[in-house]
N, C-alpha and C. Protein backbone atom coordinates (compact mmCIF):
# COMPACT_ATOMS: atom_id res chain seq x y z
N UNK A 1 104.06 120.76 103.47
CA UNK A 1 104.49 119.76 103.31
C UNK A 1 104.47 118.53 104.51
N UNK A 2 104.75 119.46 105.57
CA UNK A 2 105.15 118.58 106.83
C UNK A 2 102.95 118.04 107.01
N UNK A 3 102.43 119.04 107.15
CA UNK A 3 101.33 118.40 107.20
C UNK A 3 101.02 117.29 106.47
N UNK A 4 101.31 117.21 105.40
CA UNK A 4 101.04 115.75 104.74
C UNK A 4 101.73 114.33 105.03
N UNK A 5 102.55 114.65 105.22
CA UNK A 5 103.54 113.56 105.75
C UNK A 5 103.13 113.08 107.29
N UNK A 6 102.47 114.09 107.81
CA UNK A 6 101.81 113.45 109.38
C UNK A 6 100.50 112.54 108.67
N UNK A 7 99.65 113.34 107.92
CA UNK A 7 98.54 112.67 107.62
C UNK A 7 99.18 111.72 106.90
N UNK A 8 99.78 110.99 106.13
CA UNK A 8 100.09 109.83 105.69
C UNK A 8 100.40 108.52 106.16
N UNK A 9 101.65 109.60 107.69
CA UNK A 9 101.98 108.51 108.44
C UNK A 9 100.39 108.34 109.12
N UNK A 10 99.92 109.09 109.70
CA UNK A 10 98.99 108.31 110.79
C UNK A 10 98.21 106.93 109.75
N UNK A 11 97.74 107.73 108.15
CA UNK A 11 96.92 107.08 107.29
C UNK A 11 97.50 105.71 106.89
N UNK A 12 98.74 105.51 107.01
CA UNK A 12 99.80 104.43 106.61
C UNK A 12 99.84 103.75 108.05
N UNK A 13 99.70 103.86 109.34
CA UNK A 13 100.09 103.33 110.25
C UNK A 13 98.42 102.29 110.63
N UNK A 14 97.53 103.44 110.70
CA UNK A 14 96.11 103.11 110.94
C UNK A 14 95.98 101.90 109.79
N UNK A 15 96.07 101.74 108.55
CA UNK A 15 96.29 100.50 107.88
C UNK A 15 96.78 99.47 108.20
N UNK A 16 98.03 99.13 108.94
CA UNK A 16 98.56 98.36 109.11
C UNK A 16 98.42 97.35 111.14
N UNK A 17 98.85 99.00 111.43
CA UNK A 17 98.43 98.71 113.18
C UNK A 17 97.90 99.42 113.89
N UNK A 18 96.21 99.33 113.60
CA UNK A 18 95.28 100.11 113.59
C UNK A 18 95.18 100.99 114.92
N UNK A 19 95.41 100.21 116.53
CA UNK A 19 95.45 100.72 116.86
C UNK A 19 96.30 102.11 117.79
N UNK A 20 97.50 101.94 116.88
CA UNK A 20 98.43 103.16 117.22
C UNK A 20 98.39 104.43 115.90
N UNK A 21 97.55 104.15 115.38
CA UNK A 21 97.01 105.22 114.65
C UNK A 21 96.34 106.46 114.68
N UNK A 22 95.50 106.26 116.16
CA UNK A 22 94.76 107.70 116.83
C UNK A 22 95.61 108.13 117.99
N UNK A 23 96.45 106.56 118.65
CA UNK A 23 97.37 107.58 119.32
C UNK A 23 98.44 108.54 118.92
N UNK A 24 98.83 108.20 117.44
CA UNK A 24 100.08 108.97 116.72
C UNK A 24 98.73 110.40 115.94
N UNK A 25 97.89 110.38 116.20
CA UNK A 25 97.23 111.02 115.57
C UNK A 25 97.24 112.30 116.84
N UNK A 26 96.88 111.98 118.09
CA UNK A 26 96.22 112.81 119.43
C UNK A 26 97.95 113.38 119.78
N UNK A 27 99.03 112.28 119.23
CA UNK A 27 100.23 113.07 119.25
C UNK A 27 100.42 114.05 118.75
N UNK A 28 100.39 113.68 117.42
CA UNK A 28 100.75 115.13 116.34
C UNK A 28 99.16 116.17 116.66
N UNK A 29 98.64 115.96 117.07
CA UNK A 29 97.64 117.47 117.54
C UNK A 29 96.71 117.47 116.68
N UNK A 30 96.19 116.43 116.18
CA UNK A 30 94.88 116.28 115.46
C UNK A 30 94.07 116.82 116.12
N UNK A 31 93.02 116.66 115.25
CA UNK A 31 91.27 117.41 116.06
C UNK A 31 90.54 115.85 115.84
N UNK A 32 89.45 115.80 117.23
CA UNK A 32 89.12 114.44 117.25
C UNK A 32 88.55 114.20 115.70
N UNK A 33 87.87 115.21 114.67
CA UNK A 33 87.54 114.69 114.23
C UNK A 33 88.06 114.32 112.96
N UNK A 34 89.29 114.96 112.89
CA UNK A 34 90.42 114.65 111.74
C UNK A 34 91.03 113.27 112.42
N UNK A 35 91.39 112.90 113.51
CA UNK A 35 91.84 111.81 113.81
C UNK A 35 90.65 110.13 113.68
N UNK A 36 89.43 110.69 113.55
CA UNK A 36 88.66 109.71 113.24
C UNK A 36 88.85 109.71 111.63
N UNK A 37 88.81 110.75 111.12
CA UNK A 37 88.31 110.33 109.34
C UNK A 37 89.69 109.40 109.34
N UNK A 38 90.81 110.00 109.32
CA UNK A 38 92.30 109.45 108.96
C UNK A 38 92.04 108.26 109.46
N UNK A 39 92.19 107.90 110.41
CA UNK A 39 92.79 106.46 110.89
C UNK A 39 91.35 105.96 110.54
N UNK A 40 89.89 105.86 110.25
CA UNK A 40 88.89 105.32 109.38
C UNK A 40 89.29 104.98 107.79
N UNK A 41 89.86 105.86 107.68
CA UNK A 41 90.30 106.05 106.04
C UNK A 41 91.64 104.89 106.10
N UNK A 42 91.81 105.12 106.68
CA UNK A 42 93.69 104.24 106.97
C UNK A 42 92.97 103.15 106.82
N UNK A 43 92.06 102.25 108.34
CA UNK A 43 91.53 101.06 108.65
C UNK A 43 91.10 100.63 107.88
N UNK A 44 90.36 101.21 106.76
CA UNK A 44 89.58 100.57 105.93
C UNK A 44 90.18 100.44 104.35
N UNK A 45 91.28 101.19 104.20
CA UNK A 45 92.51 101.16 102.84
C UNK A 45 92.91 99.53 103.83
N UNK A 46 93.53 99.28 104.39
CA UNK A 46 94.07 98.34 104.39
C UNK A 46 93.11 96.89 104.81
N UNK A 47 92.28 97.57 104.74
CA UNK A 47 91.12 95.96 104.90
C UNK A 47 90.87 95.71 103.50
N UNK A 48 90.39 96.45 103.27
CA UNK A 48 90.34 96.27 101.26
C UNK A 48 91.79 95.83 100.80
N UNK A 49 93.00 96.53 100.77
CA UNK A 49 94.08 96.14 100.06
C UNK A 49 94.56 94.50 100.76
N UNK A 50 94.42 94.58 102.34
CA UNK A 50 95.10 93.07 102.80
C UNK A 50 93.84 91.58 102.16
N UNK A 51 92.49 92.40 102.08
CA UNK A 51 91.84 91.52 101.67
C UNK A 51 92.11 91.08 100.86
N UNK A 52 91.92 92.30 99.82
CA UNK A 52 92.41 91.39 98.44
C UNK A 52 93.70 90.96 98.20
N UNK A 53 94.83 91.41 98.85
CA UNK A 53 95.63 90.62 98.76
C UNK A 53 96.02 88.89 99.46
N UNK A 54 95.22 88.87 100.05
CA UNK A 54 95.22 87.86 100.79
C UNK A 54 94.35 86.46 99.89
N UNK A 55 92.91 86.88 99.52
CA UNK A 55 92.08 86.38 98.48
C UNK A 55 93.58 86.00 97.23
N UNK A 56 94.02 86.61 96.95
CA UNK A 56 95.16 86.42 95.26
C UNK A 56 96.09 85.07 96.10
N UNK A 57 96.44 85.67 97.39
CA UNK A 57 97.20 84.32 97.75
C UNK A 57 96.70 83.22 97.98
N UNK A 58 95.48 83.06 98.26
CA UNK A 58 94.69 81.84 98.70
C UNK A 58 94.86 81.16 97.19
N UNK A 59 94.28 81.84 96.18
CA UNK A 59 94.17 81.23 94.94
C UNK A 59 95.30 80.83 94.58
N UNK A 60 96.31 81.50 94.41
CA UNK A 60 97.39 81.47 93.76
C UNK A 60 98.30 80.17 94.13
N UNK A 61 98.23 79.69 95.74
CA UNK A 61 98.68 78.61 96.52
C UNK A 61 97.64 77.69 96.90
N UNK A 62 96.64 77.52 95.96
CA UNK A 62 95.58 76.45 96.69
C UNK A 62 96.25 75.49 97.96
N UNK A 63 97.00 74.96 97.04
CA UNK A 63 97.57 73.41 98.09
C UNK A 63 98.26 73.78 99.22
N UNK A 64 99.21 74.87 99.02
CA UNK A 64 99.65 75.07 100.45
C UNK A 64 99.41 75.46 101.38
N UNK A 65 98.24 75.96 101.50
CA UNK A 65 97.05 75.73 102.82
C UNK A 65 96.45 74.06 103.48
N UNK A 66 96.80 73.36 102.66
CA UNK A 66 96.49 72.11 102.86
C UNK A 66 97.30 70.67 102.85
N UNK A 67 97.51 70.24 103.82
CA UNK A 67 98.49 69.83 104.72
C UNK A 67 98.87 68.77 103.72
N UNK A 68 100.25 68.67 103.18
CA UNK A 68 100.82 67.75 102.25
C UNK A 68 101.02 66.17 102.69
N UNK A 69 101.40 65.89 104.11
CA UNK A 69 101.34 64.98 105.02
C UNK A 69 100.77 65.16 105.89
N UNK A 70 100.69 63.75 106.87
CA UNK A 70 100.12 63.97 108.05
C UNK A 70 101.23 64.40 109.30
N UNK A 71 101.28 66.02 109.51
CA UNK A 71 102.53 66.31 110.35
C UNK A 71 101.45 66.40 112.04
N UNK A 72 102.43 66.10 113.08
CA UNK A 72 101.79 66.50 114.45
C UNK A 72 101.99 68.60 114.12
N UNK A 73 100.45 69.18 114.36
CA UNK A 73 100.93 70.31 114.60
C UNK A 73 100.87 71.24 116.00
N UNK A 74 101.97 72.34 115.83
CA UNK A 74 102.31 72.80 116.85
C UNK A 74 100.92 74.12 117.17
N UNK A 75 100.45 74.01 117.77
CA UNK A 75 99.61 75.18 118.76
C UNK A 75 100.19 75.80 119.59
N UNK A 76 100.32 77.49 118.97
CA UNK A 76 100.93 78.69 119.75
C UNK A 76 99.50 78.98 120.46
N UNK A 77 99.48 79.89 121.26
CA UNK A 77 98.25 80.46 121.97
C UNK A 77 97.89 81.49 121.13
N UNK A 78 98.95 82.04 120.39
CA UNK A 78 97.60 83.52 119.11
C UNK A 78 97.66 82.16 118.13
N UNK A 79 97.91 81.07 117.81
CA UNK A 79 97.09 80.33 117.15
C UNK A 79 95.69 79.75 117.36
N UNK A 80 95.92 79.10 118.72
CA UNK A 80 94.89 78.61 119.47
C UNK A 80 93.51 80.02 119.59
N UNK A 81 94.17 81.34 119.73
CA UNK A 81 93.24 82.14 119.74
C UNK A 81 92.92 82.59 118.39
N UNK A 82 92.92 82.53 117.43
CA UNK A 82 92.46 82.49 116.15
C UNK A 82 91.77 82.05 116.06
N UNK A 83 91.91 80.80 116.02
CA UNK A 83 90.77 79.33 116.01
C UNK A 83 89.84 79.57 116.67
N UNK A 84 89.83 79.70 117.92
CA UNK A 84 88.34 80.31 118.90
C UNK A 84 88.06 81.00 118.25
N UNK A 85 88.35 82.06 117.95
CA UNK A 85 87.52 83.49 117.61
C UNK A 85 86.90 82.86 116.61
N UNK A 86 87.41 82.13 115.55
CA UNK A 86 86.61 81.75 113.86
C UNK A 86 86.04 81.18 114.40
N UNK A 87 85.81 80.00 115.21
CA UNK A 87 84.80 78.43 115.34
C UNK A 87 83.46 79.38 116.40
N UNK A 88 83.89 80.62 117.44
CA UNK A 88 83.35 80.55 118.19
C UNK A 88 82.09 81.84 117.95
N UNK A 89 83.02 82.66 117.29
CA UNK A 89 82.00 83.96 116.66
C UNK A 89 82.19 83.93 115.38
N UNK A 90 82.91 83.10 114.76
CA UNK A 90 83.09 83.29 113.06
C UNK A 90 83.69 85.10 112.70
N UNK A 91 82.41 85.18 111.30
CA UNK A 91 82.77 86.03 110.93
C UNK A 91 83.11 87.71 111.88
N UNK A 92 81.98 87.76 112.45
CA UNK A 92 81.45 89.56 113.33
C UNK A 92 82.82 89.13 114.72
N UNK A 93 82.86 88.31 115.14
CA UNK A 93 84.15 87.74 116.13
C UNK A 93 85.61 88.26 115.36
N UNK A 94 85.61 87.76 114.38
CA UNK A 94 87.38 88.26 113.50
C UNK A 94 86.98 89.70 113.16
N UNK A 95 86.17 90.07 112.99
CA UNK A 95 85.58 91.96 112.77
C UNK A 95 86.00 92.85 113.89
N UNK A 96 85.24 92.17 115.08
CA UNK A 96 85.45 92.94 115.95
C UNK A 96 86.90 92.57 116.84
N UNK A 97 87.43 91.45 116.42
CA UNK A 97 88.94 91.59 117.11
C UNK A 97 89.80 92.12 116.21
N UNK A 98 89.53 92.18 115.28
CA UNK A 98 90.97 92.23 113.98
C UNK A 98 91.47 93.74 114.43
N UNK A 99 90.85 94.53 114.02
CA UNK A 99 91.64 95.93 114.18
C UNK A 99 92.22 96.09 115.46
N UNK A 100 92.23 95.68 116.62
CA UNK A 100 92.72 96.01 117.85
C UNK A 100 93.58 95.02 118.47
N UNK A 101 93.20 93.67 118.79
CA UNK A 101 93.99 92.50 119.23
C UNK A 101 94.68 91.58 117.92
N UNK A 102 94.66 91.59 117.06
CA UNK A 102 94.86 90.42 115.82
C UNK A 102 95.90 91.74 114.84
N UNK A 103 95.23 92.70 114.26
CA UNK A 103 95.95 93.34 113.58
C UNK A 103 95.28 93.82 111.78
N UNK A 104 95.31 94.28 111.15
CA UNK A 104 94.60 94.29 110.06
C UNK A 104 95.07 93.63 109.22
N UNK A 105 96.19 93.34 108.55
CA UNK A 105 96.73 92.34 107.89
C UNK A 105 96.51 91.07 108.11
N UNK A 106 96.17 90.74 109.54
CA UNK A 106 96.04 89.45 109.74
C UNK A 106 94.81 88.83 109.83
N UNK A 107 93.86 89.95 109.99
CA UNK A 107 92.30 89.62 110.17
C UNK A 107 92.12 89.91 108.58
N UNK A 108 92.19 90.78 108.24
CA UNK A 108 92.00 90.26 106.46
C UNK A 108 92.13 89.33 106.14
N UNK A 109 93.96 88.82 106.31
CA UNK A 109 93.73 87.43 105.57
C UNK A 109 93.28 86.61 106.15
N UNK A 110 92.80 86.42 107.39
CA UNK A 110 91.88 85.50 107.94
C UNK A 110 90.18 85.18 107.17
N UNK A 111 90.25 86.45 106.93
CA UNK A 111 88.64 86.38 106.49
C UNK A 111 88.83 86.21 105.23
N UNK A 112 89.83 86.42 104.19
CA UNK A 112 89.80 86.14 102.95
C UNK A 112 90.04 84.48 102.79
N UNK A 113 90.83 84.02 104.05
CA UNK A 113 90.89 82.42 103.96
C UNK A 113 89.71 81.96 104.01
N UNK A 114 88.83 82.07 105.14
CA UNK A 114 87.80 81.47 106.02
C UNK A 114 86.54 81.87 105.15
N UNK A 115 86.31 83.05 104.81
CA UNK A 115 85.14 84.13 104.37
C UNK A 115 85.17 84.50 103.16
N UNK A 116 86.02 83.20 102.37
CA UNK A 116 86.08 84.02 100.59
C UNK A 116 84.50 83.78 100.09
N UNK A 117 83.35 83.43 100.58
CA UNK A 117 82.28 83.25 99.86
C UNK A 117 81.65 84.31 100.41
N UNK A 118 81.74 85.02 101.03
CA UNK A 118 80.87 86.10 101.77
C UNK A 118 81.86 87.34 102.18
N UNK A 119 82.63 87.66 100.35
CA UNK A 119 83.46 88.78 100.16
C UNK A 119 82.47 89.96 101.00
N UNK A 120 81.22 90.61 100.10
CA UNK A 120 80.78 91.27 100.57
C UNK A 120 80.13 91.91 101.79
N UNK A 121 79.94 90.91 102.34
CA UNK A 121 79.42 90.51 104.27
C UNK A 121 81.07 91.23 104.81
N UNK A 122 81.49 90.39 103.85
CA UNK A 122 82.92 90.11 105.04
C UNK A 122 83.79 91.69 105.13
N UNK A 123 84.03 91.88 103.64
CA UNK A 123 84.46 93.53 103.70
C UNK A 123 83.24 94.61 104.59
N UNK A 124 82.41 94.47 103.95
CA UNK A 124 81.59 95.20 105.14
C UNK A 124 81.61 95.57 106.71
N UNK A 125 81.44 94.06 107.26
CA UNK A 125 81.30 93.84 108.36
C UNK A 125 82.73 94.55 108.89
N UNK A 126 83.66 94.12 108.71
CA UNK A 126 85.36 94.64 108.52
C UNK A 126 85.36 96.21 108.52
N UNK A 127 84.90 97.06 107.59
CA UNK A 127 84.69 98.15 107.43
C UNK A 127 83.92 98.50 108.90
N UNK A 128 82.88 98.47 109.24
CA UNK A 128 81.78 99.01 110.30
C UNK A 128 83.06 99.08 111.07
N UNK A 129 83.59 97.27 111.80
CA UNK A 129 84.01 97.23 112.50
C UNK A 129 85.47 98.43 112.93
N UNK A 130 86.22 98.97 112.19
CA UNK A 130 87.14 99.99 111.88
C UNK A 130 86.73 101.03 112.48
N UNK A 131 85.47 101.29 111.73
CA UNK A 131 84.88 102.71 112.31
C UNK A 131 84.59 103.02 113.25
N UNK A 132 84.01 101.83 113.71
CA UNK A 132 83.58 101.85 114.76
C UNK A 132 85.09 101.66 116.56
N UNK A 133 85.94 101.39 115.81
CA UNK A 133 86.76 100.84 116.56
C UNK A 133 87.56 102.71 117.22
N UNK A 134 87.51 103.58 115.82
CA UNK A 134 88.26 104.35 115.58
C UNK A 134 87.80 105.45 116.30
N UNK A 135 86.11 105.24 116.22
CA UNK A 135 85.42 105.98 117.01
C UNK A 135 85.96 106.18 118.88
N UNK A 136 85.72 105.17 118.76
CA UNK A 136 85.67 104.34 120.60
C UNK A 136 87.44 104.93 120.79
N UNK A 137 88.47 104.49 119.77
CA UNK A 137 89.56 104.67 120.50
C UNK A 137 89.85 106.05 120.62
N UNK A 138 89.27 106.97 119.60
CA UNK A 138 89.84 108.58 119.66
C UNK A 138 89.12 109.10 120.83
N UNK A 139 87.76 108.69 120.84
CA UNK A 139 86.47 109.37 122.01
C UNK A 139 87.27 109.25 123.23
N UNK A 140 88.09 107.89 123.54
CA UNK A 140 88.57 107.56 125.19
C UNK A 140 89.96 108.49 124.88
N UNK A 141 90.78 108.65 123.76
CA UNK A 141 91.98 109.50 124.12
C UNK A 141 91.40 111.49 124.34
N UNK A 142 90.73 111.30 123.22
CA UNK A 142 90.37 113.27 123.61
C UNK A 142 89.40 113.29 124.94
N UNK A 143 88.58 112.51 125.35
CA UNK A 143 88.01 112.47 126.20
C UNK A 143 89.22 112.44 127.97
N UNK A 144 89.88 111.80 127.41
CA UNK A 144 90.81 111.45 128.77
C UNK A 144 92.21 112.47 128.71
């Protein structure tokens, strides 16, 4: 019973805050391959869940994301970072930065918002990015 609680906690943590998943897996005593497998599956689950949820939100509230009146926009450093990533690097940059710097829910929502017409490519690239980050973070943690 305790083993499954640990597996599910690493799985769901990886689906929301990916960077913390391999750290938790290492601290709970998982093997390298177990850490890579569980965090990758959790991250891919999070990508699919939050991308589809983001698509439904954007389609349900189509006018919510368009300005109703001209207001002076307030840009924070975080908003500027998101805009720069999307403008300069596009889908691939968003996929690379999403698991570690942004978070999977926010990255998947931004992909659903700006790259909804490329759904298969967006999901594929984001899943590959999650697996690569899982391998690299787990490798770093288990080698050091």
